[in-house]
Every structure is written in C-alpha cells, then in structure tokens.
Amino acid sequence: MTELRPPGRQTLAAESDASLAARFAREAMPFHPVLLRTARRLTHSQADAEDLVQDTLMNAYAGFRRFEPGTNLRAWLFRILHNRWISTHRMKQRRPDAFAVGEFTDSDMLSHATYFANSERSAEERALESHCDDRIREALATLPEGFRTVVYYADVQGFTYAEVAAVMEVPVGTVMSRISRSRERLRTALSA
C-alpha cells in the first residue's frame, strides 16, 4: 500500500535547491514592488525600506520549502515583512540614538582622543566633562537619566523643546516638565 500525501507535498520534499530558487523567483519575486512600497510606508526611508525587503525575502526564501502551495503567498510575505519590521524597530529602540554632527577634522579627533578612548561613557557625559566645571558636572550627575538628557539637549546643545521631544521620542509636555524640574534641582544643588 502506498502512503497518501497531500498534492504538492511529495514534490516539495524532493525539490532541489535549483528548482526551489526558480520557484521562489517565479512565485515570490513578483511581489517585490508592493513589498517595497509597504516597507517605505513603515520605515519612512528608502534605504531602510530596501533593507527591510531584502531581509524579508531572505527569510521567506529560507522558509519557502515549508510554505504550503495553494495558500496565500502574498499574505505570507506581508506577515514576514511586518514581523521583520517589528523586530528591527524593537532592536533600534534598544540601541542608543546616533546623530549626525558637523564635520570633524583630524585635529578635532586628536584633541578629543582621550574622550573617544572611554566609549562606555555617553556623548552627553563627555560633552559635559569638556565644557563644565566640576560643581555643574556633579550637580548634573545627581539628576536621573531622562532629566539629565533633556537638560543636555535643551541647555547645552540649544535644541528647542519640540526638537528634544522628537529626539527622545516623548511628548513636548514631558520635556517641559523634566526641564523645569531639572533646573529647579540644579538651582538647589548649585546654591549650596
């Protein structure tokens, strides 16, 4: 007696890598433009969207042997795209923010080499160390992290409240509240 298998299963199990690649190119790659449009809408950046689609298609290809023929390939690809976007977004949230700064010359790099050697310190701490006296630095160190960061962006870097809110991804009201409370704490600490 022969074993009964659903149609398509027997051929998929024995499918060679070359035929898998050809089938993937034939069935999944036509969705590339629509995946790219959706990725652009999610990431708000052409480069990030291209990276996201590439990551999506790599993951889809890796799992394409397990894809059930006859089911909705488009929905499967979009689910992978959305899951990869969520994973990437969460990973970016865990990483510290990086911001473009003005041009650095070799002499700038050399003069600040001691600060670059201590990479465990944040950019705010290094800037405050190079521009503040000890009393201000100690008073700022007593502030909680979120409060210290808002003061740094608003008072040291000169950002507007809206810019600080955008950088920190918090509401403007939170920025205003933190700056007010931070300045009050600094006044108290520095008046002694």
Protein backbone atom coordinates (compact mmCIF):
# COMPACT_ATOMS: atom_id res chain seq x y z
CA MET A 1 0.00 0.00 0.00
CA THR A 2 1.33 3.46 -0.86
CA GLU A 3 1.37 6.35 1.54
CA LEU A 4 -1.09 9.12 0.74
CA ARG A 5 0.31 12.65 0.79
CA PRO A 6 -1.40 15.93 0.05
CA PRO A 7 -0.80 17.15 -3.50
CA GLY A 8 2.44 19.06 -3.84
CA ARG A 9 3.99 17.73 -0.64
CA GLN A 10 5.82 14.85 -2.27
CA THR A 11 7.42 17.10 -4.88
CA LEU A 12 8.37 19.76 -2.33
CA ALA A 13 10.23 17.30 -0.11
CA ALA A 14 12.36 16.13 -3.01
CA GLU A 15 12.69 19.57 -4.61
CA SER A 16 16.27 20.51 -5.45
CA ASP A 17 17.85 23.79 -4.45
CA ALA A 18 17.88 24.96 -8.05
CA SER A 19 14.20 24.25 -8.59
CA LEU A 20 13.38 25.85 -5.21
CA ALA A 21 15.24 29.01 -6.27
CA ALA A 22 13.46 29.03 -9.62
CA ARG A 23 10.06 28.52 -7.98
CA PHE A 24 10.80 31.29 -5.45
CA ALA A 25 11.83 33.68 -8.22
CA ARG A 26 8.74 32.82 -10.24
CA GLU A 27 6.19 32.97 -7.39
CA ALA A 28 7.53 35.36 -4.74
CA MET A 29 9.68 37.91 -6.56
CA PRO A 30 6.74 39.49 -8.44
CA PHE A 31 5.65 40.82 -5.03
CA HIS A 32 8.90 42.80 -4.63
CA PRO A 33 7.47 46.19 -5.77
CA VAL A 34 4.43 46.02 -3.49
CA LEU A 35 6.59 44.84 -0.58
CA LEU A 36 8.91 47.80 -1.19
CA ARG A 37 6.01 50.28 -1.18
CA THR A 38 4.72 48.87 2.10
CA ALA A 39 8.23 48.88 3.60
CA ARG A 40 8.67 52.54 2.63
CA ARG A 41 5.42 53.37 4.38
CA LEU A 42 6.58 51.55 7.53
CA THR A 43 10.15 52.84 7.66
CA HIS A 44 9.77 56.33 6.12
CA SER A 45 13.13 55.82 4.42
CA GLN A 46 14.08 54.39 1.03
CA ALA A 47 17.31 52.81 2.31
CA ASP A 48 15.63 51.25 5.35
CA ALA A 49 12.78 50.01 3.17
CA GLU A 50 15.20 48.30 0.78
CA ASP A 51 16.98 46.67 3.73
CA LEU A 52 13.67 45.52 5.17
CA VAL A 53 12.51 43.99 1.87
CA GLN A 54 15.85 42.25 1.42
CA ASP A 55 15.63 40.83 4.94
CA THR A 56 12.02 39.78 4.29
CA LEU A 57 12.88 37.99 1.06
CA MET A 58 15.87 36.24 2.65
CA ASN A 59 13.67 34.97 5.48
CA ALA A 60 10.95 33.97 3.03
CA TYR A 61 13.43 32.05 0.89
CA ALA A 62 14.81 30.26 3.96
CA GLY A 63 11.31 29.08 4.85
CA PHE A 64 9.97 28.60 1.33
CA ARG A 65 10.22 24.77 1.49
CA ARG A 66 7.74 24.87 4.37
CA PHE A 67 5.33 27.20 2.56
CA GLU A 68 2.12 25.36 1.71
CA PRO A 69 1.40 25.70 -2.03
CA GLY A 70 -2.10 26.88 -2.76
CA THR A 71 -2.24 29.16 0.28
CA ASN A 72 -1.95 32.94 0.13
CA LEU A 73 1.71 33.66 -0.72
CA ARG A 74 1.13 37.42 -0.69
CA ALA A 75 -0.25 37.34 2.86
CA TRP A 76 2.62 35.09 3.97
CA LEU A 77 5.21 37.53 2.57
CA PHE A 78 3.49 40.52 4.14
CA ARG A 79 3.38 38.76 7.52
CA ILE A 80 7.14 38.13 7.28
CA LEU A 81 7.69 41.80 6.28
CA HIS A 82 5.66 43.06 9.20
CA ASN A 83 7.35 40.73 11.70
CA ARG A 84 10.84 41.72 10.45
CA TRP A 85 9.87 45.41 10.71
CA ILE A 86 8.72 44.92 14.31
CA SER A 87 11.93 43.08 15.20
CA THR A 88 14.08 45.77 13.59
CA HIS A 89 12.10 48.55 15.27
CA ARG A 90 12.50 46.94 18.69
CA MET A 91 16.21 46.42 18.11
CA LYS A 92 16.64 50.10 17.19
CA GLN A 93 14.80 51.15 20.34
CA ARG A 94 17.29 49.21 22.45
CA ARG A 95 20.28 50.86 20.75
CA PRO A 96 21.35 54.37 21.72
CA ASP A 97 20.45 57.09 19.24
CA ALA A 98 23.12 58.24 16.80
CA PHE A 99 23.03 61.73 15.36
CA ALA A 100 24.94 63.31 12.52
CA VAL A 101 27.23 66.09 13.64
CA GLY A 102 29.25 68.66 11.77
CA GLU A 103 32.47 67.72 10.02
CA PHE A 104 35.36 66.55 12.16
CA THR A 105 38.91 67.24 11.16
CA ASP A 106 41.89 65.12 12.12
CA SER A 107 42.94 67.75 14.64
CA ASP A 108 39.48 67.63 16.26
CA MET A 109 39.76 63.87 16.54
CA LEU A 110 43.24 64.08 18.00
CA SER A 111 42.28 66.74 20.56
CA HIS A 112 39.38 64.61 21.76
CA ALA A 113 41.15 61.24 21.59
CA THR A 114 41.01 60.79 25.35
CA TYR A 115 37.23 61.08 25.26
CA PHE A 116 36.88 58.56 22.44
CA ALA A 117 39.01 56.06 24.34
CA ASN A 118 36.32 55.79 27.03
CA SER A 119 33.49 54.52 24.87
CA GLU A 120 31.39 53.35 27.81
CA ARG A 121 30.53 56.96 28.65
CA SER A 122 27.70 58.65 26.79
CA ALA A 123 28.20 61.60 24.47
CA GLU A 124 26.38 63.82 26.97
CA GLU A 125 28.80 62.90 29.74
CA ARG A 126 31.81 63.53 27.53
CA ALA A 127 30.47 66.92 26.38
CA LEU A 128 29.64 67.98 29.91
CA GLU A 129 33.08 66.91 31.08
CA SER A 130 34.81 69.02 28.46
CA HIS A 131 32.58 72.13 28.84
CA CYS A 132 31.51 72.29 32.50
CA ASP A 133 33.20 72.97 35.77
CA ASP A 134 33.18 70.32 38.50
CA ARG A 135 30.25 71.78 40.50
CA ILE A 136 27.91 71.80 37.49
CA ARG A 137 29.06 68.34 36.42
CA GLU A 138 28.42 66.94 39.91
CA ALA A 139 25.00 68.63 40.11
CA LEU A 140 24.05 67.21 36.71
CA ALA A 141 25.22 63.75 37.76
CA THR A 142 22.66 63.76 40.58
CA LEU A 143 19.80 64.12 38.08
CA PRO A 144 18.01 60.98 36.84
CA GLU A 145 18.99 59.89 33.31
CA GLY A 146 15.91 61.27 31.49
CA PHE A 147 16.19 64.62 33.27
CA ARG A 148 19.92 64.91 32.58
CA THR A 149 19.38 64.11 28.89
CA VAL A 150 16.68 66.79 28.43
CA VAL A 151 18.85 69.42 30.09
CA TYR A 152 21.77 68.42 27.90
CA TYR A 153 19.79 68.73 24.66
CA ALA A 154 17.93 71.90 25.65
CA ASP A 155 20.54 73.85 27.60
CA VAL A 156 23.88 72.56 26.31
CA GLN A 157 23.03 71.79 22.68
CA GLY A 158 20.39 74.54 22.35
CA PHE A 159 17.61 72.35 20.92
CA THR A 160 14.03 73.60 21.09
CA TYR A 161 11.56 71.70 23.26
CA ALA A 162 9.98 70.22 20.13
CA GLU A 163 13.38 69.03 18.86
CA VAL A 164 14.20 67.48 22.23
CA ALA A 165 10.82 65.74 22.24
CA ALA A 166 11.46 64.35 18.76
CA VAL A 167 14.96 63.16 19.65
CA MET A 168 13.84 61.48 22.86
CA GLU A 169 10.52 60.28 21.42
CA VAL A 170 8.50 61.74 24.29
CA PRO A 171 5.70 64.35 24.32
CA VAL A 172 6.66 68.04 24.41
CA GLY A 173 4.84 68.40 27.74
CA THR A 174 7.11 65.74 29.26
CA VAL A 175 10.17 67.62 28.01
CA MET A 176 8.90 70.88 29.50
CA SER A 177 8.14 69.21 32.81
CA ARG A 178 11.52 67.47 33.00
CA ILE A 179 13.42 70.64 32.13
CA SER A 180 11.53 72.62 34.76
CA ARG A 181 12.14 70.03 37.46
CA SER A 182 15.77 69.56 36.38
CA ARG A 183 16.52 73.27 36.51
CA GLU A 184 14.92 73.52 39.95
CA ARG A 185 17.06 70.64 41.21
CA LEU A 186 20.17 72.22 39.68
CA ARG A 187 19.39 75.59 41.30
CA THR A 188 19.04 73.91 44.68
CA ALA A 189 22.22 71.86 44.23
CA LEU A 190 24.30 74.81 43.00
CA SER A 191 23.04 77.33 45.57
CA ALA A 192 24.70 75.47 48.44
